[in-house]
Amino acid sequence: FPIEVIVCPTIRETDGLAMSSRNTYLNPRERQAATVIYRALTAAQKAFEAGERDAERLKCIARQVIESEPLASLQYLSCAHPETLEELQGRVNHALLSTAVLIGKTRLIDNVLIGG
């Protein structure tokens, strides 16, 4: 049977961090560091809006932002088709950018839709 994927907009706190019960595990320094996740995803989103369409390049943009934060440890970064969740390569017209990042001992996940 085909699986229908429904992507809902992420609810965010005022600093951009995705709302999650896991945020309570972050100390103040980790909480500040965690904002790098949304900054990374929006950097790739802005690059897409400026004309970048290569999936690997979009991931590279987000990865560089995440890796600039010493407390962040990237677990995965994906540029996938928003309906099938199949990983995309080459030119993309729309995608779901998603990531999981360890901040201290807390695993945080986030995503943004681009295009389409």
Protein backbone atom coordinates (compact mmCIF):
# COMPACT_ATOMS: atom_id res chain seq x y z
CA PHE A 1 0.00 0.00 0.00
CA PRO A 2 1.27 3.50 -0.71
CA ILE A 3 2.11 5.58 2.33
CA GLU A 4 0.79 9.12 2.46
CA VAL A 5 3.19 11.54 4.11
CA ILE A 6 1.69 14.66 5.61
CA VAL A 7 4.14 17.41 6.48
CA CYS A 8 2.80 19.97 8.95
CA PRO A 9 4.45 23.32 9.62
CA THR A 10 6.81 23.27 12.58
CA ILE A 11 5.71 25.29 15.59
CA ARG A 12 8.58 27.48 16.74
CA GLU A 13 9.61 29.29 19.86
CA THR A 14 10.52 32.99 19.63
CA ASP A 15 14.22 32.21 19.06
CA GLY A 16 13.39 29.91 16.11
CA LEU A 17 13.93 26.65 17.99
CA ALA A 18 11.36 23.99 17.10
CA MET A 19 8.96 23.59 20.00
CA SER A 20 9.73 20.33 21.79
CA SER A 21 9.67 18.88 25.28
CA ARG A 22 13.35 18.03 24.72
CA ASN A 23 14.22 21.72 24.87
CA THR A 24 13.83 21.55 28.66
CA TYR A 25 16.95 19.35 28.80
CA LEU A 26 19.11 22.18 27.42
CA ASN A 27 21.06 24.42 29.75
CA PRO A 28 21.18 28.13 28.80
CA ARG A 29 24.40 27.79 26.74
CA GLU A 30 23.04 24.72 24.92
CA ARG A 31 19.74 26.48 24.33
CA GLN A 32 21.59 29.33 22.61
CA ALA A 33 23.67 26.84 20.59
CA ALA A 34 20.53 24.98 19.48
CA THR A 35 19.35 28.00 17.49
CA VAL A 36 22.01 27.03 14.94
CA ILE A 37 19.66 24.32 13.65
CA TYR A 38 17.00 26.70 12.38
CA ARG A 39 19.66 29.13 11.14
CA ALA A 40 21.18 26.30 9.10
CA LEU A 41 17.88 25.23 7.57
CA THR A 42 16.87 28.79 6.76
CA ALA A 43 20.30 29.47 5.20
CA ALA A 44 19.66 26.61 2.77
CA GLN A 45 16.09 27.82 2.25
CA LYS A 46 17.32 31.33 1.41
CA ALA A 47 19.91 29.88 -0.99
CA PHE A 48 17.10 28.00 -2.73
CA GLU A 49 15.05 31.18 -2.97
CA ALA A 50 18.11 32.90 -4.47
CA GLY A 51 18.35 30.24 -7.19
CA GLU A 52 20.40 27.36 -5.77
CA ARG A 53 18.76 24.11 -6.86
CA ASP A 54 21.40 21.42 -6.26
CA ALA A 55 20.44 19.09 -3.39
CA GLU A 56 24.02 18.46 -2.29
CA ARG A 57 24.87 22.15 -2.35
CA LEU A 58 21.79 22.96 -0.25
CA LYS A 59 22.83 20.34 2.30
CA CYS A 60 26.39 21.69 2.25
CA ILE A 61 25.13 25.19 3.10
CA ALA A 62 23.16 23.88 6.07
CA ARG A 63 26.01 21.61 7.18
CA GLN A 64 28.50 24.48 7.25
CA VAL A 65 26.25 26.52 9.51
CA ILE A 66 25.70 23.61 11.91
CA GLU A 67 29.41 22.78 12.00
CA SER A 68 30.18 26.39 12.94
CA GLU A 69 28.63 25.74 16.38
CA PRO A 70 31.08 23.92 18.69
CA LEU A 71 28.31 22.39 20.83
CA ALA A 72 26.48 20.94 17.81
CA SER A 73 27.11 17.43 16.54
CA LEU A 74 25.35 16.68 13.24
CA GLN A 75 23.67 13.26 13.14
CA TYR A 76 21.98 13.53 9.76
CA LEU A 77 20.98 16.07 7.15
CA SER A 78 18.48 15.20 4.45
CA CYS A 79 17.13 16.83 1.30
CA ALA A 80 14.18 14.63 0.42
CA HIS A 81 11.07 14.65 -1.73
CA PRO A 82 8.37 16.10 0.56
CA GLU A 83 5.80 13.43 -0.32
CA THR A 84 7.83 10.24 -0.70
CA LEU A 85 10.73 11.18 1.59
CA GLU A 86 13.12 9.70 -0.98
CA GLU A 87 16.53 11.36 -0.79
CA LEU A 88 17.05 13.76 -3.69
CA GLN A 89 20.12 14.26 -5.84
CA GLY A 90 20.89 16.87 -8.44
CA ARG A 91 18.37 19.58 -9.26
CA VAL A 92 15.40 19.99 -6.92
CA ASN A 93 12.20 21.95 -7.45
CA HIS A 94 10.87 21.40 -3.94
CA ALA A 95 12.15 19.44 -0.99
CA LEU A 96 11.95 18.73 2.70
CA LEU A 97 15.20 19.69 4.40
CA SER A 98 15.48 17.86 7.71
CA THR A 99 18.16 17.31 10.30
CA ALA A 100 18.97 15.77 13.66
CA VAL A 101 21.62 17.44 15.78
CA LEU A 102 23.00 16.60 19.20
CA ILE A 103 23.40 19.61 21.45
CA GLY A 104 25.14 18.28 24.52
CA LYS A 105 23.25 15.06 25.23
CA THR A 106 19.98 16.26 23.73
CA ARG A 107 18.95 15.14 20.24
CA LEU A 108 16.98 17.82 18.42
CA ILE A 109 15.24 17.42 15.09
CA ASP A 110 13.89 20.06 12.72
CA ASN A 111 12.78 20.57 9.13
CA VAL A 112 11.69 23.14 6.57
CA LEU A 113 9.91 22.86 3.25
CA ILE A 114 11.49 24.59 0.26
CA GLY A 115 10.01 25.34 -3.13
CA GLY A 116 6.81 23.93 -4.54
